[in-house]
Amino acid sequence: MTARVLLVDDDEQMRSSTAQALELAGFAVEPLASGEEALALAGPGFAGAVVSDIRMPGMDGMTLLGRLGEVDPDIPVILVTGHAEVPLAVEAIRGGAYDFIEKPFVVQELATVIRRAIDHRALVLENRRLRAVAGKRDDVEVRLPGRTQVMVELRYRLRAIGASDADALIIGPTGVGKEVAARTLHDISTRAGRPFIAINCAALPEALIESELFGHEAGAFPGALRPRFGKFEHARGGTVLLDEIGSMPLELQAKLLRVLQERVITRLGSNDPVPLDVRFVAVSKVDLADLVARGAFREDLYWRLNVAVLHVPPLSARREDIPLLFLQLLRESAARHNIAEREAPPAFLSGLAAREWPGNVRELRNLAERFVLGLEGAEIGPAQGARLADRVAAFERSLIAGAIAAHGGRLRAVYETLGISRKTLYEKMQKYGLDRRLIVEAADEES
């Protein structure tokens, strides 16, 4: 595959001439006028390098460097600077930039730096893929953490599906991380270096939906002054995420079915089919089988999508994961805001596991944001509306799970903190379905 370069420069003449020279040097160059365009194309699986002018209106090169670092700190960013900006570029190197090159530059020198950056990036991505195949703690587990069996099974299926080129269907309630799972599928696949295009089927304007997806030729309808690629064609060998697929109009479902079966599209105003090399990942918060039964979703499209299916569980199905997940979200939030991480006491973590989370991970992430910013106290009340026995059991289970999370899985510290015997702790962990691997590991350590 030709090495991919995102070239960001607000100067159209400079951007065009540099892009042409780099293409002659063997790179696949995408000339972009702003940092926002680069952010839309460079995800965690981006297999290339970003070359950006350091001085631009709006989002400058330094800001772009920081934003790309939030997406993936290993994306190589090469900054183009003027002579007076060299000290700033050196500071950027310390902040994570791969390298910088000073104007005026010789294209061959820039090409050499880009090749080194792309080789480095290829090694990073290959290492991630090897770790994913080996089943070790990798990007998949970092993005979708949890020790419960439902999460272990989800990661296993995700790795198996990700290694294939099959279309996929992801189902789960609001806020569980369905788009995270879809993005992970893309990033561990062979398509990782190509675009990831997310389409919200519920938000597309009905009058423009076909043009948005399939593109159009000049004169296809009033106002179509020039030809335009649709989102399907823009994916170019990558992945298309169809969010809220159940909201797609029935007429368009028929056309999507043809695209899935034949892998061709026809732009509006044209009769010429265009071959399509993309992977489709459909996402739904409702069971599509129910929509089929109500006549709101095509049965043939449902069976075409219902091959590689992933169910992302709600937090209510993985309560013992909540304390660990909250701690991870807390670390991410503290890093994002560049402030010290605020310690969450065990009782607070236990309270989290006992509560209901209708917004799931999204709601928990919002709490972590408020907590790290000091907008949320350490008081979390008990769940309401349950029977006393159920509330006591839920609290006991969450208290044990919270203590395990707080002590990093060291069970001796857990039962000493809780004031119970080792045998009692193991029995309660088994009773509440907590991670049995911890019991085995602890027994091995203390035998």
Protein backbone atom coordinates (compact mmCIF):
# COMPACT_ATOMS: atom_id res chain seq x y z
CA MET A 1 0.00 0.00 0.00
CA THR A 2 1.28 3.46 -0.93
CA ALA A 3 2.43 5.46 2.11
CA ARG A 4 -0.26 7.98 3.12
CA VAL A 5 0.46 11.62 4.01
CA LEU A 6 -1.94 14.27 5.27
CA LEU A 7 -0.51 17.62 4.13
CA VAL A 8 -2.00 20.57 6.04
CA ASP A 9 -1.30 24.10 4.83
CA ASP A 10 -3.62 27.09 4.44
CA ASP A 11 -1.50 28.43 1.55
CA GLU A 12 -3.12 26.89 -1.53
CA GLN A 13 -0.13 27.38 -3.82
CA MET A 14 2.35 25.95 -1.31
CA ARG A 15 -0.02 23.08 -0.53
CA SER A 16 -0.50 22.19 -4.19
CA SER A 17 3.17 22.33 -5.18
CA THR A 18 4.33 20.33 -2.15
CA ALA A 19 1.61 17.71 -2.71
CA GLN A 20 2.65 17.25 -6.34
CA ALA A 21 6.31 16.86 -5.40
CA LEU A 22 5.52 14.31 -2.67
CA GLU A 23 3.29 12.34 -5.04
CA LEU A 24 6.20 12.15 -7.48
CA ALA A 25 8.27 10.81 -4.57
CA GLY A 26 5.80 7.92 -4.21
CA PHE A 27 3.43 9.08 -1.45
CA ALA A 28 -0.37 9.13 -1.46
CA VAL A 29 -0.95 12.74 -0.45
CA GLU A 30 -4.19 14.27 0.77
CA PRO A 31 -3.79 18.08 0.67
CA LEU A 32 -5.88 19.74 3.37
CA ALA A 33 -6.51 23.41 4.08
CA SER A 34 -7.14 23.12 7.83
CA GLY A 35 -6.30 21.12 10.92
CA GLU A 36 -9.97 20.19 11.37
CA GLU A 37 -9.87 18.25 8.10
CA ALA A 38 -6.81 16.32 9.29
CA LEU A 39 -8.50 15.42 12.58
CA ALA A 40 -11.41 13.92 10.66
CA LEU A 41 -9.06 11.56 8.79
CA ALA A 42 -6.41 10.63 11.38
CA GLY A 43 -7.76 8.09 13.86
CA PRO A 44 -5.98 5.59 16.14
CA GLY A 45 -5.48 3.22 13.17
CA PHE A 46 -4.09 5.88 10.80
CA ALA A 47 -1.13 4.31 8.98
CA GLY A 48 0.72 7.36 7.73
CA ALA A 49 2.15 10.71 8.74
CA VAL A 50 0.84 14.25 9.13
CA VAL A 51 2.80 17.19 7.73
CA SER A 52 1.51 20.56 8.94
CA ASP A 53 2.54 24.18 8.65
CA ILE A 54 3.07 25.54 12.15
CA ARG A 55 1.46 28.94 11.41
CA MET A 56 -2.15 28.81 10.18
CA PRO A 57 -5.31 30.77 10.95
CA GLY A 58 -7.77 29.00 13.23
CA MET A 59 -6.19 25.73 14.32
CA ASP A 60 -2.42 26.14 14.00
CA GLY A 61 0.15 23.34 13.83
CA MET A 62 0.80 23.28 17.58
CA THR A 63 -2.90 22.95 18.37
CA LEU A 64 -3.27 20.22 15.76
CA LEU A 65 -0.34 18.38 17.34
CA GLY A 66 -2.07 18.46 20.71
CA ARG A 67 -5.44 17.34 19.33
CA LEU A 68 -3.86 14.46 17.40
CA GLY A 69 -2.06 13.45 20.58
CA GLU A 70 -5.45 13.05 22.26
CA VAL A 71 -6.58 10.76 19.42
CA ASP A 72 -3.37 8.71 19.33
CA PRO A 73 -0.05 9.98 20.76
CA ASP A 74 1.89 7.76 18.32
CA ILE A 75 0.65 9.46 15.14
CA PRO A 76 3.82 11.03 13.64
CA VAL A 77 3.43 14.79 13.12
CA ILE A 78 6.06 16.73 11.13
CA LEU A 79 5.89 20.50 11.49
CA VAL A 80 6.98 22.93 8.76
CA THR A 81 8.44 26.10 10.27
CA GLY A 82 9.99 29.40 9.36
CA HIS A 83 13.48 30.27 10.60
CA ALA A 84 12.13 32.37 13.47
CA GLU A 85 9.90 29.51 14.61
CA VAL A 86 12.63 26.92 15.12
CA PRO A 87 12.65 27.32 18.95
CA LEU A 88 8.89 26.73 18.92
CA ALA A 89 9.38 23.62 16.79
CA VAL A 90 12.01 22.29 19.19
CA GLU A 91 9.52 22.76 22.00
CA ALA A 92 6.98 20.85 19.90
CA ILE A 93 9.43 17.94 19.60
CA ARG A 94 9.49 17.78 23.39
CA GLY A 95 5.70 17.82 23.31
CA GLY A 96 5.42 14.82 21.00
CA ALA A 97 6.08 16.00 17.42
CA TYR A 98 8.02 13.48 15.35
CA ASP A 99 10.27 16.06 13.63
CA PHE A 100 10.27 19.48 12.00
CA ILE A 101 11.66 20.90 8.77
CA GLU A 102 12.58 24.51 8.15
CA LYS A 103 11.44 26.65 5.20
CA PRO A 104 12.58 26.83 2.48
CA PHE A 105 13.09 23.07 2.32
CA VAL A 106 14.18 20.60 -0.34
CA VAL A 107 11.37 18.15 -1.03
CA GLN A 108 13.78 15.21 -0.97
CA GLU A 109 14.70 16.08 2.63
CA LEU A 110 11.03 16.24 3.62
CA ALA A 111 10.42 12.92 1.85
CA THR A 112 13.23 11.29 3.83
CA VAL A 113 11.75 12.48 7.13
CA ILE A 114 8.28 11.29 6.08
CA ARG A 115 9.58 7.81 5.17
CA ARG A 116 11.21 7.45 8.58
CA ALA A 117 8.01 8.59 10.27
CA ILE A 118 5.83 6.15 8.29
CA ASP A 119 8.22 3.25 8.97
CA HIS A 120 8.03 4.07 12.69
CA ARG A 121 4.24 4.24 12.53
CA ALA A 122 4.06 0.88 10.75
CA LEU A 123 6.06 -0.74 13.55
CA VAL A 124 3.75 0.77 16.18
CA LEU A 125 0.61 -0.52 14.45
CA GLU A 126 2.10 -3.95 13.79
CA ASN A 127 3.03 -4.27 17.46
CA ARG A 128 -0.54 -3.40 18.44
CA ARG A 129 -1.97 -5.98 16.06
CA LEU A 130 0.39 -8.71 17.32
CA ARG A 131 -0.57 -7.98 20.91
CA ALA A 132 -4.24 -8.09 19.98
CA VAL A 133 -3.84 -11.49 18.32
CA ALA A 134 -1.96 -12.78 21.37
CA GLY A 135 -4.87 -11.73 23.59
CA LYS A 136 -2.74 -9.57 25.90
CA ARG A 137 -3.87 -6.29 27.41
CA ASP A 138 -3.86 -4.16 24.30
CA ASP A 139 -5.81 -1.36 22.65
CA VAL A 140 -8.92 -3.54 22.62
CA GLU A 141 -8.89 -4.05 26.39
CA VAL A 142 -7.93 -0.43 27.04
CA ARG A 143 -10.88 0.79 24.98
CA LEU A 144 -13.35 -1.83 26.26
CA PRO A 145 -12.12 -2.68 29.77
CA GLY A 146 -13.73 -5.13 32.17
CA ARG A 147 -13.11 -8.45 33.91
CA THR A 148 -16.68 -9.75 33.70
CA GLN A 149 -17.37 -12.70 31.41
CA VAL A 150 -19.59 -10.63 29.11
CA MET A 151 -16.71 -8.22 28.43
CA VAL A 152 -14.16 -11.02 27.99
CA GLU A 153 -16.47 -12.62 25.42
CA LEU A 154 -17.11 -9.28 23.70
CA ARG A 155 -13.36 -8.66 23.25
CA TYR A 156 -12.84 -12.22 22.00
CA ARG A 157 -15.57 -11.86 19.37
CA LEU A 158 -14.37 -8.38 18.43
CA ARG A 159 -10.82 -9.63 17.78
CA ALA A 160 -12.13 -12.56 15.76
CA ILE A 161 -14.42 -10.38 13.63
CA GLY A 162 -11.85 -7.59 13.34
CA ALA A 163 -9.33 -9.92 11.74
CA SER A 164 -11.84 -10.73 8.97
CA ASP A 165 -13.33 -8.44 6.36
CA ALA A 166 -16.94 -9.30 7.21
CA ASP A 167 -19.60 -6.64 7.65
CA ALA A 168 -20.76 -6.41 11.26
CA LEU A 169 -23.82 -5.47 13.33
CA ILE A 170 -23.34 -3.96 16.80
CA ILE A 171 -26.31 -3.86 19.18
CA GLY A 172 -26.56 -2.26 22.61
CA PRO A 173 -28.46 0.37 24.60
CA THR A 174 -27.58 4.06 24.64
CA GLY A 175 -24.17 5.01 25.99
CA VAL A 176 -22.55 1.56 26.23
CA GLY A 177 -19.78 2.28 23.70
CA LYS A 178 -21.10 0.87 20.43
CA GLU A 179 -19.14 3.39 18.35
CA VAL A 180 -16.01 2.60 20.39
CA ALA A 181 -16.46 -1.07 19.46
CA ALA A 182 -16.98 -0.14 15.80
CA ARG A 183 -13.87 2.04 15.77
CA THR A 184 -11.89 -0.76 17.39
CA LEU A 185 -13.05 -3.19 14.69
CA HIS A 186 -11.68 -0.80 12.09
CA ASP A 187 -8.39 -0.17 13.88
CA ILE A 188 -7.46 -3.85 14.31
CA SER A 189 -8.40 -4.73 10.73
CA THR A 190 -6.33 -4.56 7.56
CA ARG A 191 -8.32 -1.42 6.68
CA ALA A 192 -6.91 0.51 9.65
CA GLY A 193 -4.90 2.87 7.46
CA ARG A 194 -7.90 3.96 5.43
CA PRO A 195 -10.78 6.32 6.36
CA PHE A 196 -13.36 5.58 9.04
CA ILE A 197 -16.57 7.35 7.99
CA ALA A 198 -19.34 7.62 10.58
CA ILE A 199 -22.87 8.28 9.29
CA ASN A 200 -25.78 8.99 11.64
CA CYS A 201 -28.74 7.59 9.70
CA ALA A 202 -31.18 9.39 12.00
CA ALA A 203 -29.65 12.81 11.35
CA LEU A 204 -29.38 12.78 7.56
CA PRO A 205 -31.78 15.26 5.88
CA GLU A 206 -34.30 13.19 3.92
CA ALA A 207 -34.10 15.42 0.82
CA LEU A 208 -30.30 15.02 0.58
CA ILE A 209 -29.79 11.52 1.98
CA GLU A 210 -29.06 9.81 -1.36
CA SER A 211 -26.69 12.57 -2.47
CA GLU A 212 -24.88 12.42 0.87
CA LEU A 213 -24.37 8.66 0.68
CA PHE A 214 -23.98 7.96 -3.05
CA GLY A 215 -22.69 11.30 -4.39
CA HIS A 216 -23.91 13.07 -7.53
CA GLU A 217 -22.83 14.32 -10.91
CA ALA A 218 -23.00 17.97 -11.99
CA GLY A 219 -26.57 18.90 -12.93
CA ALA A 220 -28.12 15.91 -11.14
CA PHE A 221 -30.51 18.30 -9.37
CA PRO A 222 -30.88 22.08 -8.99
CA GLY A 223 -27.82 23.44 -7.21
CA ALA A 224 -25.54 20.52 -8.13
CA LEU A 225 -22.95 22.67 -9.90
CA ARG A 226 -20.10 20.17 -9.73
CA PRO A 227 -19.68 16.41 -9.19
CA ARG A 228 -19.30 15.26 -5.59
CA PHE A 229 -18.19 12.02 -3.92
CA GLY A 230 -20.70 10.56 -1.48
CA LYS A 231 -19.71 9.27 1.94
CA PHE A 232 -19.63 5.65 0.73
CA GLU A 233 -17.17 6.47 -2.02
CA HIS A 234 -15.16 8.76 0.27
CA ALA A 235 -14.42 5.76 2.52
CA ARG A 236 -12.05 4.44 -0.20
CA GLY A 237 -11.04 1.05 1.17
CA GLY A 238 -11.91 1.86 4.76
CA THR A 239 -14.92 1.36 7.03
CA VAL A 240 -18.40 2.93 6.96
CA LEU A 241 -20.23 3.15 10.28
CA LEU A 242 -24.01 3.24 9.85
CA ASP A 243 -25.19 4.57 13.22
CA GLU A 244 -28.86 4.16 14.15
CA ILE A 245 -29.39 1.89 11.13
CA GLY A 246 -32.95 1.24 12.30
CA SER A 247 -33.83 4.88 11.49
CA MET A 248 -32.98 4.51 7.78
CA PRO A 249 -36.02 5.00 5.50
CA LEU A 250 -37.34 1.79 3.90
CA GLU A 251 -36.71 3.07 0.36
CA LEU A 252 -33.07 3.71 1.16
CA GLN A 253 -32.78 0.32 2.90
CA ALA A 254 -33.47 -1.33 -0.47
CA LYS A 255 -30.64 0.62 -2.08
CA LEU A 256 -28.29 -0.18 0.82
CA LEU A 257 -29.10 -3.88 0.40
CA ARG A 258 -28.00 -3.69 -3.24
CA VAL A 259 -24.76 -1.96 -2.22
CA LEU A 260 -24.05 -4.67 0.38
CA GLN A 261 -24.72 -7.46 -2.11
CA GLU A 262 -23.03 -6.09 -5.22
CA ARG A 263 -20.44 -3.68 -3.76
CA VAL A 264 -21.20 -1.00 -6.36
CA ILE A 265 -22.85 2.41 -6.18
CA THR A 266 -24.31 4.73 -8.81
CA ARG A 267 -24.06 8.47 -8.28
CA LEU A 268 -27.18 10.56 -8.75
CA GLY A 269 -27.36 11.74 -12.33
CA SER A 270 -25.18 8.92 -13.63
CA ASN A 271 -25.74 5.44 -15.07
CA ASP A 272 -22.18 4.24 -14.54
CA PRO A 273 -21.63 1.87 -11.59
CA VAL A 274 -18.67 2.66 -9.33
CA PRO A 275 -16.95 -0.31 -7.59
CA LEU A 276 -17.00 0.06 -3.81
CA ASP A 277 -14.31 -1.39 -1.53
CA VAL A 278 -15.51 -0.70 2.01
CA ARG A 279 -16.52 -2.58 5.13
CA PHE A 280 -19.91 -1.77 6.65
CA VAL A 281 -20.50 -1.75 10.40
CA ALA A 282 -24.14 -1.12 11.34
CA VAL A 283 -25.08 0.03 14.85
CA SER A 284 -28.46 -0.07 16.56
CA LYS A 285 -29.76 0.59 20.07
CA VAL A 286 -32.89 -1.50 19.37
CA ASP A 287 -33.25 -5.12 18.30
CA LEU A 288 -33.66 -5.05 14.51
CA ALA A 289 -35.72 -8.24 14.68
CA ASP A 290 -38.41 -6.26 16.52
CA LEU A 291 -38.35 -3.61 13.78
CA VAL A 292 -38.70 -6.34 11.15
CA ALA A 293 -41.74 -7.74 12.98
CA ARG A 294 -43.33 -4.26 12.97
CA GLY A 295 -42.58 -3.76 9.27
CA ALA A 296 -40.18 -0.89 9.98
CA PHE A 297 -37.06 -2.71 8.72
CA ARG A 298 -36.51 -4.91 5.67
CA GLU A 299 -36.16 -8.57 6.55
CA ASP A 300 -33.72 -9.27 3.71
CA LEU A 301 -31.46 -6.44 4.88
CA TYR A 302 -31.68 -7.70 8.45
CA TRP A 303 -30.47 -11.17 7.45
CA ARG A 304 -27.75 -9.62 5.29
CA LEU A 305 -26.45 -7.72 8.35
CA ASN A 306 -27.08 -10.47 10.91
CA VAL A 307 -23.87 -12.42 10.24
CA ALA A 308 -21.15 -11.06 12.52
CA VAL A 309 -23.04 -9.65 15.51
CA LEU A 310 -21.65 -7.98 18.63
CA HIS A 311 -23.78 -7.26 21.71
CA VAL A 312 -22.30 -4.52 23.90
CA PRO A 313 -23.68 -5.02 27.44
CA PRO A 314 -25.11 -2.27 29.67
CA LEU A 315 -23.45 -1.49 32.99
CA SER A 316 -26.29 -3.31 34.77
CA ALA A 317 -24.94 -6.56 33.28
CA ARG A 318 -21.38 -5.90 34.48
CA ARG A 319 -21.69 -4.12 37.83
CA GLU A 320 -18.40 -5.43 39.22
CA ASP A 321 -16.62 -3.66 36.34
CA ILE A 322 -17.98 -0.25 37.33
CA PRO A 323 -15.33 0.69 39.95
CA LEU A 324 -12.43 -0.26 37.66
CA LEU A 325 -14.05 1.46 34.71
CA PHE A 326 -14.63 4.62 36.73
CA LEU A 327 -10.96 4.68 37.82
CA GLN A 328 -9.86 4.41 34.18
CA LEU A 329 -12.24 7.19 33.13
CA LEU A 330 -10.93 9.26 36.04
CA ARG A 331 -7.33 8.88 34.81
CA GLU A 332 -8.31 9.76 31.24
CA SER A 333 -10.25 12.82 32.41
CA ALA A 334 -7.37 14.05 34.58
CA ALA A 335 -4.94 13.66 31.67
CA ARG A 336 -7.32 15.40 29.29
CA HIS A 337 -7.67 18.41 31.59
CA ASN A 338 -3.97 18.31 32.56
CA ILE A 339 -4.75 18.30 36.28
CA ALA A 340 -3.81 15.97 39.13
CA GLU A 341 -5.93 12.84 39.47
CA ARG A 342 -8.33 13.01 42.41
CA GLU A 343 -8.42 9.88 44.57
CA ALA A 344 -11.76 8.08 44.84
CA PRO A 345 -12.28 6.39 48.24
CA PRO A 346 -13.40 2.71 48.30
CA ALA A 347 -16.81 3.59 49.76
CA PHE A 348 -17.43 5.98 46.87
CA LEU A 349 -16.50 3.27 44.34
CA SER A 350 -18.80 0.80 46.07
CA GLY A 351 -21.65 3.29 45.85
CA LEU A 352 -21.12 3.58 42.10
CA ALA A 353 -21.62 -0.13 41.56
CA ALA A 354 -24.86 -0.12 43.58
CA ARG A 355 -26.52 2.62 41.52
CA GLU A 356 -28.48 2.39 38.29
CA TRP A 357 -26.82 3.89 35.20
CA PRO A 358 -29.42 4.41 32.45
CA GLY A 359 -26.85 6.40 30.46
CA ASN A 360 -24.29 3.59 30.91
CA VAL A 361 -20.64 4.40 30.19
CA ARG A 362 -21.49 7.84 28.83
CA GLU A 363 -23.16 8.76 32.14
CA LEU A 364 -20.28 7.28 34.14
CA ARG A 365 -17.78 9.26 32.04
CA ASN A 366 -19.69 12.47 32.76
CA LEU A 367 -19.48 11.72 36.49
CA ALA A 368 -15.71 11.14 36.18
CA GLU A 369 -15.39 14.52 34.45
CA ARG A 370 -17.29 16.27 37.24
CA PHE A 371 -15.39 14.37 39.93
CA VAL A 372 -11.93 15.24 38.62
CA LEU A 373 -12.96 18.89 38.21
CA GLY A 374 -14.16 19.00 41.81
CA LEU A 375 -17.80 19.47 40.79
CA GLU A 376 -18.91 16.16 42.33
CA GLY A 377 -18.42 15.18 45.98
CA ALA A 378 -17.58 11.77 47.37
CA GLU A 379 -21.17 11.04 48.42
CA ILE A 380 -23.03 8.54 46.29
CA GLY A 381 -26.35 7.43 47.71
CA PRO A 382 -27.77 3.91 47.57
CA ALA A 383 -29.99 2.67 44.77
CA GLN A 384 -33.68 3.37 45.31
CA GLY A 385 -36.78 1.29 44.68
CA ALA A 386 -35.37 -2.18 45.37
CA ARG A 387 -36.32 -4.65 48.12
CA LEU A 388 -34.22 -4.46 51.28
CA ALA A 389 -32.63 -7.89 50.75
CA ASP A 390 -31.75 -7.03 47.16
CA ARG A 391 -30.30 -3.67 48.21
CA VAL A 392 -28.21 -5.29 50.94
CA ALA A 393 -26.90 -7.94 48.52
CA ALA A 394 -26.18 -5.34 45.85
CA PHE A 395 -24.36 -3.16 48.34
CA GLU A 396 -22.28 -6.09 49.68
CA ARG A 397 -21.34 -7.15 46.17
CA SER A 398 -20.46 -3.59 45.12
CA LEU A 399 -18.48 -3.04 48.34
CA ILE A 400 -16.34 -6.10 47.62
CA ALA A 401 -15.91 -5.13 43.95
CA GLY A 402 -14.95 -1.60 44.97
CA ALA A 403 -12.40 -2.86 47.49
CA ILE A 404 -10.87 -5.19 44.87
CA ALA A 405 -10.57 -2.27 42.45
CA ALA A 406 -9.15 0.06 45.11
CA HIS A 407 -6.47 -2.47 46.11
CA GLY A 408 -5.57 -3.45 42.54
CA GLY A 409 -6.81 -7.04 42.92
CA ARG A 410 -4.64 -7.80 45.99
CA LEU A 411 -7.12 -9.94 47.92
CA ARG A 412 -5.15 -10.08 51.19
CA ALA A 413 -5.53 -6.29 51.48
CA VAL A 414 -9.22 -6.63 50.56
CA TYR A 415 -10.24 -9.08 53.29
CA GLU A 416 -8.08 -7.31 55.87
CA THR A 417 -9.70 -3.96 54.98
CA LEU A 418 -13.21 -5.43 55.10
CA GLY A 419 -12.50 -7.26 58.37
CA ILE A 420 -13.49 -10.71 57.12
CA SER A 421 -11.61 -13.98 56.71
CA ARG A 422 -10.01 -15.09 53.48
CA LYS A 423 -12.47 -18.00 53.23
CA THR A 424 -15.45 -15.67 53.67
CA LEU A 425 -14.15 -13.34 50.96
CA TYR A 426 -13.71 -16.20 48.48
CA GLU A 427 -17.20 -17.55 49.23
CA LYS A 428 -18.80 -14.14 48.69
CA MET A 429 -16.85 -13.59 45.47
CA GLN A 430 -18.16 -16.91 44.20
CA LYS A 431 -21.69 -16.10 45.40
CA TYR A 432 -21.75 -12.77 43.55
CA GLY A 433 -19.99 -14.01 40.42
CA LEU A 434 -16.88 -11.87 40.90
CA ASP A 435 -13.74 -12.72 38.93
CA ARG A 436 -12.79 -16.31 39.84
CA ARG A 437 -9.32 -15.83 38.34
CA LEU A 438 -8.50 -13.55 41.25
CA ILE A 439 -9.43 -16.32 43.69
CA VAL A 440 -7.19 -18.81 41.94
CA GLU A 441 -4.30 -16.35 41.70
CA ALA A 442 -4.61 -15.38 45.35
CA ALA A 443 -4.82 -19.01 46.50
CA ASP A 444 -1.69 -19.82 44.50
CA GLU A 445 0.15 -16.91 46.06
CA GLU A 446 -0.76 -17.82 49.65
CA SER A 447 -0.58 -21.61 49.47
